[in-house]
PDB file of N, CA and C in Angstrom:
ATOM      1  N   UNK A   1     -60.657 -36.663 182.036  1.00  0.00           N
ATOM      2  CA  UNK A   1     -61.367 -36.952 180.724  1.00  0.00           C
ATOM      3  C   UNK A   1     -62.841 -36.116 180.677  1.00  0.00           C
ATOM      4  N   UNK A   2     -62.723 -35.588 179.652  1.00  0.00           N
ATOM      5  CA  UNK A   2     -64.044 -34.691 179.017  1.00  0.00           C
ATOM      6  C   UNK A   2     -65.215 -35.653 178.808  1.00  0.00           C
ATOM      7  N   UNK A   3     -66.653 -35.081 179.040  1.00  0.00           N
ATOM      8  CA  UNK A   3     -67.536 -35.905 178.433  1.00  0.00           C
ATOM      9  C   UNK A   3     -67.589 -36.391 177.285  1.00  0.00           C
ATOM     10  N   UNK A   4     -67.336 -35.879 176.441  1.00  0.00           N
ATOM     11  CA  UNK A   4     -66.851 -36.438 174.946  1.00  0.00           C
ATOM     12  C   UNK A   4     -66.087 -37.574 175.054  1.00  0.00           C
ATOM     13  N   UNK A   5     -64.825 -37.390 175.728  1.00  0.00           N
ATOM     14  CA  UNK A   5     -63.746 -38.479 175.468  1.00  0.00           C
ATOM     15  C   UNK A   5     -64.434 -39.749 176.479  1.00  0.00           C
ATOM     16  N   UNK A   6     -65.048 -39.453 177.360  1.00  0.00           N
ATOM     17  CA  UNK A   6     -65.583 -40.568 178.153  1.00  0.00           C
ATOM     18  C   UNK A   6     -66.550 -41.488 177.165  1.00  0.00           C
ATOM     19  N   UNK A   7     -67.338 -40.644 176.403  1.00  0.00           N
ATOM     20  CA  UNK A   7     -68.331 -41.153 175.525  1.00  0.00           C
ATOM     21  C   UNK A   7     -67.601 -41.982 174.502  1.00  0.00           C
ATOM     22  N   UNK A   8     -66.823 -41.649 173.853  1.00  0.00           N
ATOM     23  CA  UNK A   8     -66.018 -42.219 172.876  1.00  0.00           C
ATOM     24  C   UNK A   8     -65.286 -43.501 173.385  1.00  0.00           C
ATOM     25  N   UNK A   9     -64.545 -43.376 174.861  1.00  0.00           N
ATOM     26  CA  UNK A   9     -63.958 -44.398 175.476  1.00  0.00           C
ATOM     27  C   UNK A   9     -65.065 -45.426 175.810  1.00  0.00           C
ATOM     28  N   UNK A  10     -66.241 -45.263 176.320  1.00  0.00           N
ATOM     29  CA  UNK A  10     -66.931 -46.155 176.574  1.00  0.00           C
ATOM     30  C   UNK A  10     -67.845 -46.775 175.319  1.00  0.00           C
ATOM     31  N   UNK A  11     -67.689 -46.185 174.124  1.00  0.00           N
ATOM     32  CA  UNK A  11     -68.362 -47.081 172.774  1.00  0.00           C
ATOM     33  C   UNK A  11     -67.177 -48.068 172.543  1.00  0.00           C
ATOM     34  N   UNK A  12     -65.721 -47.505 172.661  1.00  0.00           N
ATOM     35  CA  UNK A  12     -64.653 -48.616 172.200  1.00  0.00           C
ATOM     36  C   UNK A  12     -64.597 -49.751 173.101  1.00  0.00           C
ATOM     37  N   UNK A  13     -64.887 -49.750 174.555  1.00  0.00           N
ATOM     38  CA  UNK A  13     -64.822 -50.344 175.528  1.00  0.00           C
ATOM     39  C   UNK A  13     -65.984 -51.375 175.074  1.00  0.00           C
ATOM     40  N   UNK A  14     -67.415 -50.695 175.008  1.00  0.00           N
ATOM     41  CA  UNK A  14     -68.383 -51.549 174.757  1.00  0.00           C
ATOM     42  C   UNK A  14     -68.359 -52.804 173.407  1.00  0.00           C
ATOM     43  N   UNK A  15     -67.830 -52.170 172.352  1.00  0.00           N
ATOM     44  CA  UNK A  15     -67.676 -52.810 171.319  1.00  0.00           C
ATOM     45  C   UNK A  15     -66.584 -53.853 171.295  1.00  0.00           C
ATOM     46  N   UNK A  16     -65.437 -53.379 172.021  1.00  0.00           N
ATOM     47  CA  UNK A  16     -64.048 -54.368 172.409  1.00  0.00           C
ATOM     48  C   UNK A  16     -64.603 -55.528 173.103  1.00  0.00           C
ATOM     49  N   UNK A  17     -65.820 -55.285 174.086  1.00  0.00           N
ATOM     50  CA  UNK A  17     -66.186 -56.655 174.683  1.00  0.00           C
ATOM     51  C   UNK A  17     -66.730 -57.360 173.673  1.00  0.00           C
ATOM     52  N   UNK A  18     -67.302 -57.195 172.666  1.00  0.00           N
ATOM     53  CA  UNK A  18     -67.773 -58.024 171.801  1.00  0.00           C
ATOM     54  C   UNK A  18     -66.942 -58.386 170.814  1.00  0.00           C
ATOM     55  N   UNK A  19     -65.620 -58.369 170.942  1.00  0.00           N
ATOM     56  CA  UNK A  19     -64.586 -58.459 169.971  1.00  0.00           C
ATOM     57  C   UNK A  19     -64.441 -57.664 168.666  1.00  0.00           C
ATOM     58  N   UNK A  20     -65.142 -56.550 168.481  1.00  0.00           N
ATOM     59  CA  UNK A  20     -65.075 -55.567 167.464  1.00  0.00           C
ATOM     60  C   UNK A  20     -64.201 -54.384 167.770  1.00  0.00           C
ATOM     61  N   UNK A  21     -63.677 -53.772 166.672  1.00  0.00           N
ATOM     62  CA  UNK A  21     -63.174 -52.458 166.945  1.00  0.00           C
ATOM     63  C   UNK A  21     -64.032 -51.623 166.162  1.00  0.00           C
ATOM     64  N   UNK A  22     -64.389 -50.455 166.659  1.00  0.00           N
ATOM     65  CA  UNK A  22     -65.173 -49.481 166.164  1.00  0.00           C
ATOM     66  C   UNK A  22     -64.626 -48.912 165.010  1.00  0.00           C
ATOM     67  N   UNK A  23     -65.387 -48.481 163.766  1.00  0.00           N
ATOM     68  CA  UNK A  23     -64.678 -47.768 162.743  1.00  0.00           C
ATOM     69  C   UNK A  23     -65.013 -46.297 163.069  1.00  0.00           C
ATOM     70  N   UNK A  24     -64.523 -45.706 162.346  1.00  0.00           N
ATOM     71  CA  UNK A  24     -64.393 -44.128 162.362  1.00  0.00           C
ATOM     72  C   UNK A  24     -66.156 -43.755 161.970  1.00  0.00           C
ATOM     73  N   UNK A  25     -66.689 -44.655 161.085  1.00  0.00           N
ATOM     74  CA  UNK A  25     -68.041 -44.252 160.706  1.00  0.00           C
ATOM     75  C   UNK A  25     -68.967 -44.694 161.680  1.00  0.00           C
ATOM     76  N   UNK A  26     -68.515 -45.912 162.770  1.00  0.00           N
ATOM     77  CA  UNK A  26     -69.357 -46.336 163.993  1.00  0.00           C
ATOM     78  C   UNK A  26     -69.404 -45.076 164.867  1.00  0.00           C
ATOM     79  N   UNK A  27     -68.071 -44.762 164.820  1.00  0.00           N
ATOM     80  CA  UNK A  27     -67.953 -43.505 166.091  1.00  0.00           C
ATOM     81  C   UNK A  27     -68.886 -42.118 165.752  1.00  0.00           C
ATOM     82  N   UNK A  28     -68.348 -42.042 164.442  1.00  0.00           N
ATOM     83  CA  UNK A  28     -69.463 -40.711 164.133  1.00  0.00           C
ATOM     84  C   UNK A  28     -71.011 -41.021 164.059  1.00  0.00           C
ATOM     85  N   UNK A  29     -71.506 -41.939 163.831  1.00  0.00           N
ATOM     86  CA  UNK A  29     -72.778 -42.417 163.950  1.00  0.00           C
ATOM     87  C   UNK A  29     -73.296 -42.642 165.465  1.00  0.00           C
ATOM     88  N   UNK A  30     -72.532 -43.105 166.239  1.00  0.00           N
ATOM     89  CA  UNK A  30     -72.957 -43.214 167.508  1.00  0.00           C
ATOM     90  C   UNK A  30     -72.757 -41.735 168.274  1.00  0.00           C
ATOM     91  N   UNK A  31     -72.023 -40.865 168.001  1.00  0.00           N
ATOM     92  CA  UNK A  31     -71.474 -39.674 168.856  1.00  0.00           C
ATOM     93  C   UNK A  31     -72.399 -38.333 168.196  1.00  0.00           C
ATOM     94  N   UNK A  32     -72.433 -38.693 166.863  1.00  0.00           N
ATOM     95  CA  UNK A  32     -73.220 -37.442 166.225  1.00  0.00           C
ATOM     96  C   UNK A  32     -71.903 -36.486 166.151  1.00  0.00           C
ATOM     97  N   UNK A  33     -70.950 -36.652 166.085  1.00  0.00           N
ATOM     98  CA  UNK A  33     -69.851 -35.609 166.069  1.00  0.00           C
ATOM     99  C   UNK A  33     -69.008 -35.734 164.716  1.00  0.00           C
ATOM    100  N   UNK A  34     -68.147 -34.790 164.357  1.00  0.00           N
ATOM    101  CA  UNK A  34     -67.538 -34.620 163.087  1.00  0.00           C
ATOM    102  C   UNK A  34     -65.881 -35.580 163.478  1.00  0.00           C
ATOM    103  N   UNK A  35     -65.496 -36.104 162.388  1.00  0.00           N
ATOM    104  CA  UNK A  35     -64.387 -36.949 162.320  1.00  0.00           C
ATOM    105  C   UNK A  35     -63.088 -36.320 162.963  1.00  0.00           C
ATOM    106  N   UNK A  36     -62.945 -34.984 162.562  1.00  0.00           N
ATOM    107  CA  UNK A  36     -61.824 -33.998 163.455  1.00  0.00           C
ATOM    108  C   UNK A  36     -61.998 -34.262 164.718  1.00  0.00           C
ATOM    109  N   UNK A  37     -63.436 -34.123 165.448  1.00  0.00           N
ATOM    110  CA  UNK A  37     -63.681 -34.113 166.880  1.00  0.00           C
ATOM    111  C   UNK A  37     -63.396 -35.549 167.247  1.00  0.00           C
ATOM    112  N   UNK A  38     -63.576 -36.444 166.721  1.00  0.00           N
ATOM    113  CA  UNK A  38     -63.196 -37.836 167.270  1.00  0.00           C
ATOM    114  C   UNK A  38     -61.807 -37.906 167.214  1.00  0.00           C
ATOM    115  N   UNK A  39     -61.015 -37.730 166.314  1.00  0.00           N
ATOM    116  CA  UNK A  39     -59.681 -37.831 166.361  1.00  0.00           C
ATOM    117  C   UNK A  39     -58.953 -37.033 167.639  1.00  0.00           C
ATOM    118  N   UNK A  40     -59.633 -35.806 167.647  1.00  0.00           N
ATOM    119  CA  UNK A  40     -58.869 -35.149 168.696  1.00  0.00           C
ATOM    120  C   UNK A  40     -59.026 -35.974 170.005  1.00  0.00           C
ATOM    121  N   UNK A  41     -60.348 -36.540 170.188  1.00  0.00           N
ATOM    122  CA  UNK A  41     -60.566 -37.252 171.631  1.00  0.00           C
ATOM    123  C   UNK A  41     -59.934 -38.403 171.648  1.00  0.00           C
ATOM    124  N   UNK A  42     -59.503 -39.265 170.608  1.00  0.00           N
ATOM    125  CA  UNK A  42     -59.024 -40.621 170.778  1.00  0.00           C
ATOM    126  C   UNK A  42     -57.567 -40.163 170.959  1.00  0.00           C
ATOM    127  N   UNK A  43     -57.190 -39.020 170.282  1.00  0.00           N
ATOM    128  CA  UNK A  43     -55.592 -38.904 170.646  1.00  0.00           C
ATOM    129  C   UNK A  43     -55.364 -38.452 171.880  1.00  0.00           C
ATOM    130  N   UNK A  44     -56.228 -37.691 172.544  1.00  0.00           N
ATOM    131  CA  UNK A  44     -56.275 -37.224 173.762  1.00  0.00           C
ATOM    132  C   UNK A  44     -56.126 -38.726 174.815  1.00  0.00           C
ATOM    133  N   UNK A  45     -57.019 -39.413 174.566  1.00  0.00           N
ATOM    134  CA  UNK A  45     -57.010 -40.807 175.180  1.00  0.00           C
ATOM    135  C   UNK A  45     -55.939 -41.460 175.301  1.00  0.00           C
ATOM    136  N   UNK A  46     -55.218 -41.465 174.040  1.00  0.00           N
ATOM    137  CA  UNK A  46     -54.267 -42.185 173.860  1.00  0.00           C
ATOM    138  C   UNK A  46     -52.742 -41.463 174.718  1.00  0.00           C
ATOM    139  N   UNK A  47     -52.931 -40.507 174.528  1.00  0.00           N
ATOM    140  CA  UNK A  47     -51.780 -39.415 175.386  1.00  0.00           C
ATOM    141  C   UNK A  47     -52.012 -39.684 176.653  1.00  0.00           C
ATOM    142  N   UNK A  48     -53.288 -39.592 177.171  1.00  0.00           N
ATOM    143  CA  UNK A  48     -53.542 -40.131 178.780  1.00  0.00           C
ATOM    144  C   UNK A  48     -53.125 -41.364 179.072  1.00  0.00           C
ATOM    145  N   UNK A  49     -53.147 -42.309 178.237  1.00  0.00           N
ATOM    146  CA  UNK A  49     -52.896 -43.638 178.630  1.00  0.00           C
ATOM    147  C   UNK A  49     -53.933 -44.733 178.828  1.00  0.00           C
ATOM    148  N   UNK A  50     -55.407 -43.816 178.597  1.00  0.00           N
ATOM    149  CA  UNK A  50     -56.478 -44.604 178.594  1.00  0.00           C
ATOM    150  C   UNK A  50     -56.514 -45.741 177.634  1.00  0.00           C
ATOM    151  N   UNK A  51     -55.934 -45.575 176.167  1.00  0.00           N
ATOM    152  CA  UNK A  51     -56.037 -46.599 175.262  1.00  0.00           C
ATOM    153  C   UNK A  51     -54.778 -46.719 174.659  1.00  0.00           C
ATOM    154  N   UNK A  52     -54.789 -48.005 174.002  1.00  0.00           N
ATOM    155  CA  UNK A  52     -53.247 -48.143 173.193  1.00  0.00           C
ATOM    156  C   UNK A  52     -53.652 -48.961 172.289  1.00  0.00           C
ATOM    157  N   UNK A  53     -52.999 -48.901 171.100  1.00  0.00           N
ATOM    158  CA  UNK A  53     -53.546 -49.616 169.703  1.00  0.00           C
ATOM    159  C   UNK A  53     -52.430 -50.732 169.670  1.00  0.00           C
ATOM    160  N   UNK A  54     -52.826 -52.016 169.888  1.00  0.00           N
ATOM    161  CA  UNK A  54     -51.861 -53.246 169.385  1.00  0.00           C
ATOM    162  C   UNK A  54     -51.735 -53.043 168.062  1.00  0.00           C
ATOM    163  N   UNK A  55     -50.409 -52.832 167.313  1.00  0.00           N
ATOM    164  CA  UNK A  55     -50.589 -52.877 165.920  1.00  0.00           C
ATOM    165  C   UNK A  55     -50.335 -54.482 165.430  1.00  0.00           C
ATOM    166  N   UNK A  56     -49.814 -55.153 166.335  1.00  0.00           N
ATOM    167  CA  UNK A  56     -50.030 -56.775 165.902  1.00  0.00           C
ATOM    168  C   UNK A  56     -51.344 -57.385 165.711  1.00  0.00           C
ATOM    169  N   UNK A  57     -52.176 -57.164 166.661  1.00  0.00           N
ATOM    170  CA  UNK A  57     -53.532 -57.720 167.051  1.00  0.00           C
ATOM    171  C   UNK A  57     -54.371 -56.732 165.959  1.00  0.00           C
ATOM    172  N   UNK A  58     -54.085 -55.730 165.967  1.00  0.00           N
ATOM    173  CA  UNK A  58     -54.773 -54.620 165.186  1.00  0.00           C
ATOM    174  C   UNK A  58     -56.260 -54.539 165.938  1.00  0.00           C
ATOM    175  N   UNK A  59     -55.974 -54.211 167.550  1.00  0.00           N
ATOM    176  CA  UNK A  59     -57.249 -54.152 168.620  1.00  0.00           C
ATOM    177  C   UNK A  59     -56.827 -53.181 169.587  1.00  0.00           C
ATOM    178  N   UNK A  60     -57.856 -52.445 169.722  1.00  0.00           N
ATOM    179  CA  UNK A  60     -57.633 -51.568 171.184  1.00  0.00           C
ATOM    180  C   UNK A  60     -57.351 -52.220 172.262  1.00  0.00           C
ATOM    181  N   UNK A  61     -56.198 -51.630 173.189  1.00  0.00           N
ATOM    182  CA  UNK A  61     -56.039 -52.632 174.591  1.00  0.00           C
ATOM    183  C   UNK A  61     -56.652 -51.458 175.350  1.00  0.00           C
ATOM    184  N   UNK A  62     -57.395 -51.805 176.394  1.00  0.00           N
ATOM    185  CA  UNK A  62     -58.206 -51.021 177.355  1.00  0.00           C
ATOM    186  C   UNK A  62     -57.362 -50.825 178.745  1.00  0.00           C
ATOM    187  N   UNK A  63     -57.258 -49.910 178.968  1.00  0.00           N
ATOM    188  CA  UNK A  63     -56.443 -49.895 180.496  1.00  0.00           C
ATOM    189  C   UNK A  63     -57.416 -49.564 181.489  1.00  0.00           C
TER     190      UNK A  63
END
């Protein structure tokens, strides 16, 4: 996991603990990165199995 992926993952985990899903704007504001960079990091986390999206609950599942 790269440093940026770790940062995005930690933001998602922290907000998940409070029962929130971070929006793209939340991630852009907290990381200072572009939408494209964030999408690449999230896609990588999904492919590595670190994150999973629950379509029914509309929430991230943290591994």
